[in-house]
Protein backbone atom coordinates (compact mmCIF):
# COMPACT_ATOMS: atom_id res chain seq x y z
CA UNK A 1 -0.04 0.05 0.07
CA UNK A 2 1.23 3.51 -0.76
CA UNK A 3 0.33 6.66 1.09
CA UNK A 4 0.89 10.11 0.06
CA UNK A 5 1.19 12.87 2.73
CA UNK A 6 1.84 16.47 1.76
CA UNK A 7 2.91 15.41 -1.68
CA UNK A 8 5.41 12.77 -0.53
CA UNK A 9 4.71 9.15 -1.50
CA UNK A 10 5.67 6.44 1.07
CA UNK A 11 5.40 2.57 0.60
CA UNK A 12 3.91 0.74 3.64
CA UNK A 13 4.63 -2.83 4.18
CA UNK A 14 2.53 -5.43 5.98
CA UNK A 15 2.38 -4.40 9.73
CA UNK A 16 3.36 -0.80 9.02
CA UNK A 17 1.68 2.24 10.50
CA UNK A 18 1.24 5.74 9.49
CA UNK A 19 0.32 8.53 12.05
CA UNK A 20 -0.40 12.13 10.96
CA UNK A 21 -2.33 15.10 12.11
CA UNK A 22 -5.94 15.82 10.99
CA UNK A 23 -6.12 18.30 8.16
CA UNK A 24 -2.98 16.93 6.41
CA UNK A 25 -3.74 16.23 2.69
CA UNK A 26 -3.38 12.59 2.18
CA UNK A 27 -4.41 9.81 -0.08
CA UNK A 28 -3.73 6.03 -0.23
CA UNK A 29 -3.76 3.28 -2.93
CA UNK A 30 -2.51 -0.15 -3.87
CA UNK A 31 -0.62 -1.17 -7.00
CA UNK A 32 -3.31 -3.85 -8.07
CA UNK A 33 -2.80 -5.95 -4.94
CA UNK A 34 -5.56 -6.66 -2.54
CA UNK A 35 -5.08 -4.97 0.79
CA UNK A 36 -6.86 -4.47 4.13
CA UNK A 37 -6.72 -1.08 5.84
CA UNK A 38 -7.69 -0.17 9.38
CA UNK A 39 -8.36 3.52 10.01
CA UNK A 40 -8.52 4.87 13.55
CA UNK A 41 -9.60 8.30 14.07
CA UNK A 42 -8.98 10.08 17.40
CA UNK A 43 -11.21 12.81 18.59
CA UNK A 44 -9.69 15.16 21.06
CA UNK A 45 -11.98 17.33 23.07
CA UNK A 46 -10.87 20.87 23.55
CA UNK A 47 -8.88 21.30 26.76
CA UNK A 48 -8.00 17.57 27.08
CA UNK A 49 -4.78 17.43 24.93
CA UNK A 50 -3.62 14.41 23.12
CA UNK A 51 -3.07 12.16 26.00
CA UNK A 52 0.16 10.18 26.83
CA UNK A 53 2.29 9.02 24.07
CA UNK A 54 4.20 5.65 24.09
CA UNK A 55 7.56 7.66 24.72
CA UNK A 56 5.90 8.85 28.13
CA UNK A 57 5.53 5.35 29.39
């Protein structure tokens, strides 16, 4: 699967993840190969921040 973020294309392999802020222009596609994609969207309420990151643990 390929993902384009802000004009730069990146190849994602099985098990890879892509994290980016909302509002970033993006698109994704495959090169004629079947793929499964799981999209998780986080909603942050004003005044609640983004929560702890994995680096904070």
